[in-house]
Structures are given as structure tokens and as C-alpha cells.
Amino acid sequence: MKYLTLLSLLLFTPTSWGQCTGPAKTHATLQWSEAAKVISPDHLWEIDVHPVLNTDENRSPVTISKCGESKSWPLFTLQRSAEVFWSPDSKHVLVVDQPLSGTNKLLIVSTGVEGGAPDGLDKTVNETLAERLGREKHAQFFLPKFVSWKGDNLLLAVGGAAYGAGDGPLIPYCYGVKISSSTLHVESILSEKELKTSTGHSCQVSP
């Protein structure tokens, strides 16, 4: 009877099977030349950086995998540095990739879903920004930053600088963009003042 009880505990204890080992992180900064592991808040998923140091180009694969399984999926290629953020429910991963100075790229991936369009968030935010800037202005610097993730609502501080039709100086811009992480629908747009007042955050407008 004692052995049956022990076997039952081993079989049915949820924390002992298929979970990642190590501390979970909701946010991490990645560098192309450094190996790293970022475990999801629910301890079921892990992001790994596989640095490639024997080539002339900085192109280190970053993968995502479910703990306890050998299969992994490519997340993106790390060329310089990037920040990754897990959603509170571990169902989504946000990547703020920084392949070049002055130009960030946004990626969002749903865990357990192969395929899809990880650059859909980047397109949505860029289209929203273009509408706000108008036809006469074009973004020179695009430097979105993470602000918060509450439930399905992802808030970004989208800042940078734009140029106009003439030869004048660059014009800084700053918006708070609230997006549904499941549908990528823009829920609302905040002015720089509204963003600062409601969250205490500001935008980055130059590299």
C-alpha cells in the first residue's frame, strides 16, 4: 500500500512532470554572443539563444520549446540585441528586436502555434504610426518600448523621430499604443502626455 501511494504521488504531482527547471523570467535582455535561457511564468516553455561565434556575421538562432519535449521552433535570428517579454498567462512572447541602431522590430508569437505571422505586430504598429504622422512625415527612427501587459492588453511606448518633405530637423514623436495581443487589434492610442500621466513612462526618440 505504501508503494502504491508513492507511485500515485509521482504520477499525479503536476509540478514534477514536463516543467522547466530554473527560475521563470517575465523579461530578459538577449545578446547575440551569449547563450541564454528564458523560462515562461508557468514553467512550461523556454526560449534559448544559440550563439554562433565562428562566422563573420552576427546571426544567432533563438528557439522556443515546450519543456519535457525535444522539439523546438525557430523564434527569430538575433543579430545584435533584443528584449523578450512573456505575457502573464505565458500564451504569448513579445520580442523587441534591435538589429540596427535606431530601428527596432516587433515580433509576437503564440506558444504552441506553428506558422503564423510573427511580424504582424510590427506591421500593425507601423501602419498606425504612419496614419498618425500623416503623408508628409516619415519615420527615421522607430524605437518602440514595452510598457505593460495586463491580461490581453499590451501597451507599447512608440517613439522615434520623423523627417518631412523639406530639409528641416528631425521631428520627435511619442504615442502609447494599446493592442490586443491575441487579435493584434489596436484598442486605443495615447498622446505623449496621456502616456506619461497614466503610466509614468515616456518614449525613446533617438538611439
C-alpha atoms as a PDB file:
ATOM      1  CA  MET A   1       0.000   0.000   0.000  1.00  0.00           C
ATOM      2  CA  LYS A   2       2.884   2.338   0.854  1.00  0.00           C
ATOM      3  CA  TYR A   3       4.424   1.757  -2.580  1.00  0.00           C
ATOM      4  CA  LEU A   4       1.112   2.401  -4.357  1.00  0.00           C
ATOM      5  CA  THR A   5       0.789   5.730  -2.541  1.00  0.00           C
ATOM      6  CA  LEU A   6       4.312   6.759  -3.559  1.00  0.00           C
ATOM      7  CA  LEU A   7       3.638   5.767  -7.186  1.00  0.00           C
ATOM      8  CA  SER A   8       0.448   7.828  -7.211  1.00  0.00           C
ATOM      9  CA  LEU A   9       2.322  10.880  -5.998  1.00  0.00           C
ATOM     10  CA  LEU A  10       4.938  10.509  -8.715  1.00  0.00           C
ATOM     11  CA  LEU A  11       2.331  10.090 -11.431  1.00  0.00           C
ATOM     12  CA  PHE A  12      -0.087  12.805 -10.453  1.00  0.00           C
ATOM     13  CA  THR A  13       2.024  15.571  -8.914  1.00  0.00           C
ATOM     14  CA  PRO A  14       1.707  18.348 -11.559  1.00  0.00           C
ATOM     15  CA  THR A  15       4.944  20.120 -10.698  1.00  0.00           C
ATOM     16  CA  SER A  16       7.150  17.089 -11.319  1.00  0.00           C
ATOM     17  CA  TRP A  17       6.489  16.397 -14.993  1.00  0.00           C
ATOM     18  CA  GLY A  18       7.030  18.455 -18.136  1.00  0.00           C
ATOM     19  CA  GLN A  19       8.104  21.642 -16.391  1.00  0.00           C
ATOM     20  CA  CYS A  20      11.253  23.669 -16.932  1.00  0.00           C
ATOM     21  CA  THR A  21      13.964  23.712 -14.299  1.00  0.00           C
ATOM     22  CA  GLY A  22      15.234  27.054 -13.136  1.00  0.00           C
ATOM     23  CA  PRO A  23      13.655  30.393 -12.275  1.00  0.00           C
ATOM     24  CA  ALA A  24      10.999  31.897 -14.524  1.00  0.00           C
ATOM     25  CA  LYS A  25      11.507  35.349 -16.031  1.00  0.00           C
ATOM     26  CA  THR A  26       8.895  37.696 -17.447  1.00  0.00           C
ATOM     27  CA  HIS A  27      11.576  39.793 -19.169  1.00  0.00           C
ATOM     28  CA  ALA A  28      15.145  39.332 -20.349  1.00  0.00           C
ATOM     29  CA  THR A  29      17.710  41.140 -22.482  1.00  0.00           C
ATOM     30  CA  LEU A  30      19.450  38.935 -25.052  1.00  0.00           C
ATOM     31  CA  GLN A  31      22.829  39.415 -26.736  1.00  0.00           C
ATOM     32  CA  TRP A  32      23.817  37.646 -29.945  1.00  0.00           C
ATOM     33  CA  SER A  33      27.109  36.363 -28.492  1.00  0.00           C
ATOM     34  CA  GLU A  34      25.763  34.978 -25.205  1.00  0.00           C
ATOM     35  CA  ALA A  35      23.857  31.763 -24.517  1.00  0.00           C
ATOM     36  CA  ALA A  36      20.676  32.390 -22.555  1.00  0.00           C
ATOM     37  CA  LYS A  37      17.533  30.635 -21.338  1.00  0.00           C
ATOM     38  CA  VAL A  38      14.273  32.441 -20.546  1.00  0.00           C
ATOM     39  CA  ILE A  39      11.600  30.311 -18.866  1.00  0.00           C
ATOM     40  CA  SER A  40       7.928  31.259 -19.073  1.00  0.00           C
ATOM     41  CA  PRO A  41       5.948  32.243 -15.939  1.00  0.00           C
ATOM     42  CA  ASP A  42       4.045  28.915 -15.993  1.00  0.00           C
ATOM     43  CA  HIS A  43       7.350  26.937 -16.295  1.00  0.00           C
ATOM     44  CA  LEU A  44       6.078  25.133 -19.420  1.00  0.00           C
ATOM     45  CA  TRP A  45       8.039  26.948 -22.155  1.00  0.00           C
ATOM     46  CA  GLU A  46      11.595  28.068 -22.666  1.00  0.00           C
ATOM     47  CA  ILE A  47      13.392  30.415 -25.027  1.00  0.00           C
ATOM     48  CA  ASP A  48      17.036  29.620 -25.844  1.00  0.00           C
ATOM     49  CA  VAL A  49      19.768  31.646 -27.534  1.00  0.00           C
ATOM     50  CA  HIS A  50      22.274  29.535 -29.508  1.00  0.00           C
ATOM     51  CA  PRO A  51      25.242  31.859 -30.155  1.00  0.00           C
ATOM     52  CA  VAL A  52      27.191  31.351 -33.383  1.00  0.00           C
ATOM     53  CA  LEU A  53      30.693  32.729 -32.914  1.00  0.00           C
ATOM     54  CA  ASN A  54      32.621  31.212 -35.823  1.00  0.00           C
ATOM     55  CA  THR A  55      31.262  33.338 -38.690  1.00  0.00           C
ATOM     56  CA  ASP A  56      31.739  36.915 -39.878  1.00  0.00           C
ATOM     57  CA  GLU A  57      28.048  37.728 -39.380  1.00  0.00           C
ATOM     58  CA  ASN A  58      26.141  38.088 -36.131  1.00  0.00           C
ATOM     59  CA  ARG A  59      23.305  35.620 -36.697  1.00  0.00           C
ATOM     60  CA  SER A  60      22.467  33.561 -33.614  1.00  0.00           C
ATOM     61  CA  PRO A  61      19.313  31.406 -33.726  1.00  0.00           C
ATOM     62  CA  VAL A  62      16.763  31.881 -30.968  1.00  0.00           C
ATOM     63  CA  THR A  63      14.342  28.994 -30.425  1.00  0.00           C
ATOM     64  CA  ILE A  64      11.288  28.257 -28.329  1.00  0.00           C
ATOM     65  CA  SER A  65      10.400  24.819 -26.991  1.00  0.00           C
ATOM     66  CA  LYS A  66       7.990  23.124 -24.621  1.00  0.00           C
ATOM     67  CA  CYS A  67       9.729  21.764 -21.569  1.00  0.00           C
ATOM     68  CA  GLY A  68       9.998  17.998 -21.451  1.00  0.00           C
ATOM     69  CA  GLU A  69       9.887  17.727 -25.266  1.00  0.00           C
ATOM     70  CA  SER A  70      12.813  17.560 -27.675  1.00  0.00           C
ATOM     71  CA  LYS A  71      11.177  19.556 -30.480  1.00  0.00           C
ATOM     72  CA  SER A  72      11.839  23.279 -30.783  1.00  0.00           C
ATOM     73  CA  TRP A  73      10.710  26.026 -33.159  1.00  0.00           C
ATOM     74  CA  PRO A  74      12.720  28.968 -34.536  1.00  0.00           C
ATOM     75  CA  LEU A  75      11.655  32.233 -32.929  1.00  0.00           C
ATOM     76  CA  PHE A  76      13.953  34.723 -34.695  1.00  0.00           C
ATOM     77  CA  THR A  77      17.597  35.331 -35.608  1.00  0.00           C
ATOM     78  CA  LEU A  78      19.472  37.536 -33.151  1.00  0.00           C
ATOM     79  CA  GLN A  79      21.851  39.929 -34.919  1.00  0.00           C
ATOM     80  CA  ARG A  80      22.693  42.346 -32.125  1.00  0.00           C
ATOM     81  CA  SER A  81      20.471  42.563 -29.058  1.00  0.00           C
ATOM     82  CA  ALA A  82      16.812  42.120 -28.185  1.00  0.00           C
ATOM     83  CA  GLU A  83      14.398  42.199 -25.276  1.00  0.00           C
ATOM     84  CA  VAL A  84      11.858  39.418 -24.739  1.00  0.00           C
ATOM     85  CA  PHE A  85       8.712  39.614 -22.627  1.00  0.00           C
ATOM     86  CA  TRP A  86       6.333  36.823 -21.618  1.00  0.00           C
ATOM     87  CA  SER A  87       2.625  37.574 -21.319  1.00  0.00           C
ATOM     88  CA  PRO A  88       1.236  36.976 -17.790  1.00  0.00           C
ATOM     89  CA  ASP A  89      -0.515  33.762 -18.939  1.00  0.00           C
ATOM     90  CA  SER A  90       2.557  32.511 -20.888  1.00  0.00           C
ATOM     91  CA  LYS A  91       0.490  32.272 -24.085  1.00  0.00           C
ATOM     92  CA  HIS A  92       2.434  34.922 -25.979  1.00  0.00           C
ATOM     93  CA  VAL A  93       6.011  36.133 -26.339  1.00  0.00           C
ATOM     94  CA  LEU A  94       6.871  39.695 -27.346  1.00  0.00           C
ATOM     95  CA  VAL A  95      10.273  40.379 -28.887  1.00  0.00           C
ATOM     96  CA  VAL A  96      11.635  43.908 -29.256  1.00  0.00           C
ATOM     97  CA  ASP A  97      14.483  43.158 -31.637  1.00  0.00           C
ATOM     98  CA  GLN A  98      17.260  45.726 -32.083  1.00  0.00           C
ATOM     99  CA  PRO A  99      19.149  44.585 -35.191  1.00  0.00           C
ATOM    100  CA  LEU A 100      20.256  48.126 -36.106  1.00  0.00           C
ATOM    101  CA  SER A 101      20.754  51.339 -34.168  1.00  0.00           C
ATOM    102  CA  GLY A 102      17.624  53.460 -34.500  1.00  0.00           C
ATOM    103  CA  THR A 103      15.349  50.769 -35.903  1.00  0.00           C
ATOM    104  CA  ASN A 104      13.632  48.239 -33.681  1.00  0.00           C
ATOM    105  CA  LYS A 105      11.447  45.391 -34.892  1.00  0.00           C
ATOM    106  CA  LEU A 106       8.457  43.948 -33.047  1.00  0.00           C
ATOM    107  CA  LEU A 107       7.625  40.243 -33.081  1.00  0.00           C
ATOM    108  CA  ILE A 108       4.865  38.419 -31.247  1.00  0.00           C
ATOM    109  CA  VAL A 109       4.442  34.652 -31.119  1.00  0.00           C
ATOM    110  CA  SER A 110       1.733  32.467 -29.586  1.00  0.00           C
ATOM    111  CA  THR A 111       3.075  29.450 -27.717  1.00  0.00           C
ATOM    112  CA  GLY A 112       2.104  26.096 -29.173  1.00  0.00           C
ATOM    113  CA  VAL A 113       1.130  27.587 -32.541  1.00  0.00           C
ATOM    114  CA  GLU A 114       3.365  26.806 -35.505  1.00  0.00           C
ATOM    115  CA  GLY A 115       3.434  29.079 -38.526  1.00  0.00           C
ATOM    116  CA  GLY A 116       1.525  32.329 -38.289  1.00  0.00           C
ATOM    117  CA  ALA A 117       2.962  35.784 -38.913  1.00  0.00           C
ATOM    118  CA  PRO A 118       5.260  36.885 -36.067  1.00  0.00           C
ATOM    119  CA  ASP A 119       5.803  40.245 -37.795  1.00  0.00           C
ATOM    120  CA  GLY A 120       2.073  41.062 -37.748  1.00  0.00           C
ATOM    121  CA  LEU A 121       2.524  43.275 -34.683  1.00  0.00           C
ATOM    122  CA  ASP A 122       5.314  45.226 -36.355  1.00  0.00           C
ATOM    123  CA  LYS A 123       3.130  45.882 -39.402  1.00  0.00           C
ATOM    124  CA  THR A 124       0.165  46.945 -37.264  1.00  0.00           C
ATOM    125  CA  VAL A 125       2.210  49.409 -35.205  1.00  0.00           C
ATOM    126  CA  ASN A 126       3.971  50.846 -38.270  1.00  0.00           C
ATOM    127  CA  GLU A 127       0.661  51.320 -40.083  1.00  0.00           C
ATOM    128  CA  THR A 128      -0.822  53.027 -37.012  1.00  0.00           C
ATOM    129  CA  LEU A 129       2.240  55.271 -36.751  1.00  0.00           C
ATOM    130  CA  ALA A 130       2.061  56.212 -40.449  1.00  0.00           C
ATOM    131  CA  GLU A 131      -1.571  57.270 -40.007  1.00  0.00           C
ATOM    132  CA  ARG A 132      -0.644  59.447 -37.029  1.00  0.00           C
ATOM    133  CA  LEU A 133       2.340  61.072 -38.719  1.00  0.00           C
ATOM    134  CA  GLY A 134       0.454  61.790 -41.938  1.00  0.00           C
ATOM    135  CA  ARG A 135       1.623  61.732 -45.534  1.00  0.00           C
ATOM    136  CA  GLU A 136       4.200  64.495 -45.142  1.00  0.00           C
ATOM    137  CA  LYS A 137       6.258  62.762 -42.449  1.00  0.00           C
ATOM    138  CA  HIS A 138       8.229  59.518 -42.496  1.00  0.00           C
ATOM    139  CA  ALA A 139       9.855  57.753 -39.570  1.00  0.00           C
ATOM    140  CA  GLN A 140      13.637  57.927 -39.462  1.00  0.00           C
ATOM    141  CA  PHE A 141      13.939  56.314 -36.037  1.00  0.00           C
ATOM    142  CA  PHE A 142      11.460  53.643 -34.858  1.00  0.00           C
ATOM    143  CA  LEU A 143      12.085  52.777 -31.200  1.00  0.00           C
ATOM    144  CA  PRO A 144       9.048  51.113 -29.591  1.00  0.00           C
ATOM    145  CA  LYS A 145       9.387  50.022 -25.944  1.00  0.00           C
ATOM    146  CA  PHE A 146       7.401  47.707 -23.703  1.00  0.00           C
ATOM    147  CA  VAL A 147       5.284  49.380 -21.010  1.00  0.00           C
ATOM    148  CA  SER A 148       2.880  46.791 -19.587  1.00  0.00           C
ATOM    149  CA  TRP A 149       0.938  43.601 -20.302  1.00  0.00           C
ATOM    150  CA  LYS A 150      -2.333  43.247 -18.392  1.00  0.00           C
ATOM    151  CA  GLY A 151      -4.451  40.294 -19.446  1.00  0.00           C
ATOM    152  CA  ASP A 152      -4.747  40.526 -23.222  1.00  0.00           C
ATOM    153  CA  ASN A 153      -3.862  44.235 -23.337  1.00  0.00           C
ATOM    154  CA  LEU A 154      -0.304  45.021 -24.423  1.00  0.00           C
ATOM    155  CA  LEU A 155       0.822  48.643 -24.054  1.00  0.00           C
ATOM    156  CA  LEU A 156       3.801  49.963 -26.004  1.00  0.00           C
ATOM    157  CA  ALA A 157       5.522  53.356 -25.932  1.00  0.00           C
ATOM    158  CA  VAL A 158       6.137  54.020 -29.618  1.00  0.00           C
ATOM    159  CA  GLY A 159       8.731  56.735 -30.034  1.00  0.00           C
ATOM    160  CA  GLY A 160      11.289  57.930 -32.514  1.00  0.00           C
ATOM    161  CA  ALA A 161      11.868  60.800 -34.907  1.00  0.00           C
ATOM    162  CA  ALA A 162      10.459  61.621 -38.341  1.00  0.00           C
ATOM    163  CA  TYR A 163      11.514  63.767 -41.268  1.00  0.00           C
ATOM    164  CA  GLY A 164       9.321  65.877 -43.503  1.00  0.00           C
ATOM    165  CA  ALA A 165       9.399  66.849 -47.153  1.00  0.00           C
ATOM    166  CA  GLY A 166      12.000  69.581 -46.656  1.00  0.00           C
ATOM    167  CA  ASP A 167      15.489  69.665 -45.189  1.00  0.00           C
ATOM    168  CA  GLY A 168      14.436  70.626 -41.683  1.00  0.00           C
ATOM    169  CA  PRO A 169      15.453  68.904 -38.440  1.00  0.00           C
ATOM    170  CA  LEU A 170      14.049  65.573 -37.353  1.00  0.00           C
ATOM    171  CA  ILE A 171      10.741  65.829 -35.506  1.00  0.00           C
ATOM    172  CA  PRO A 172      10.360  63.621 -32.397  1.00  0.00           C
ATOM    173  CA  TYR A 173       7.134  61.666 -31.891  1.00  0.00           C
ATOM    174  CA  CYS A 174       5.700  59.648 -28.999  1.00  0.00           C
ATOM    175  CA  TYR A 175       2.498  57.621 -28.665  1.00  0.00           C
ATOM    176  CA  GLY A 176       1.170  54.996 -26.333  1.00  0.00           C
ATOM    177  CA  VAL A 177      -0.351  52.157 -28.351  1.00  0.00           C
ATOM    178  CA  LYS A 178      -2.594  49.640 -26.600  1.00  0.00           C
ATOM    179  CA  ILE A 179      -3.049  46.411 -28.570  1.00  0.00           C
ATOM    180  CA  SER A 180      -4.896  43.127 -28.101  1.00  0.00           C
ATOM    181  CA  SER A 181      -2.131  40.511 -28.042  1.00  0.00           C
ATOM    182  CA  SER A 182      -4.487  37.805 -29.359  1.00  0.00           C
ATOM    183  CA  THR A 183      -6.020  39.718 -32.304  1.00  0.00           C
ATOM    184  CA  LEU A 184      -3.394  42.480 -32.820  1.00  0.00           C
ATOM    185  CA  HIS A 185      -6.260  44.984 -32.952  1.00  0.00           C
ATOM    186  CA  VAL A 186      -5.320  48.489 -31.808  1.00  0.00           C
ATOM    187  CA  GLU A 187      -7.566  49.228 -28.833  1.00  0.00           C
ATOM    188  CA  SER A 188      -6.508  52.814 -28.176  1.00  0.00           C
ATOM    189  CA  ILE A 189      -3.780  55.384 -28.815  1.00  0.00           C
ATOM    190  CA  LEU A 190      -2.446  57.718 -26.125  1.00  0.00           C
ATOM    191  CA  SER A 191      -0.698  61.025 -26.608  1.00  0.00           C
ATOM    192  CA  GLU A 192       2.722  61.553 -25.059  1.00  0.00           C
ATOM    193  CA  LYS A 193       1.126  63.453 -22.183  1.00  0.00           C
ATOM    194  CA  GLU A 194      -1.551  60.792 -21.603  1.00  0.00           C
ATOM    195  CA  LEU A 195       1.084  58.048 -21.632  1.00  0.00           C
ATOM    196  CA  LYS A 196       3.240  59.871 -19.095  1.00  0.00           C
ATOM    197  CA  THR A 197       0.307  60.740 -16.839  1.00  0.00           C
ATOM    198  CA  SER A 198      -1.283  57.296 -16.811  1.00  0.00           C
ATOM    199  CA  THR A 199       1.820  55.109 -16.656  1.00  0.00           C
ATOM    200  CA  GLY A 200       4.827  57.260 -15.744  1.00  0.00           C
ATOM    201  CA  HIS A 201       6.566  56.045 -18.903  1.00  0.00           C
ATOM    202  CA  SER A 202       7.960  58.092 -21.746  1.00  0.00           C
ATOM    203  CA  CYS A 203       9.230  57.234 -25.207  1.00  0.00           C
ATOM    204  CA  GLN A 204      12.712  56.816 -26.546  1.00  0.00           C
ATOM    205  CA  VAL A 205      13.054  59.205 -29.509  1.00  0.00           C
ATOM    206  CA  SER A 206      16.692  58.712 -30.513  1.00  0.00           C
ATOM    207  CA  PRO A 207      19.215  55.826 -30.426  1.00  0.00           C
END
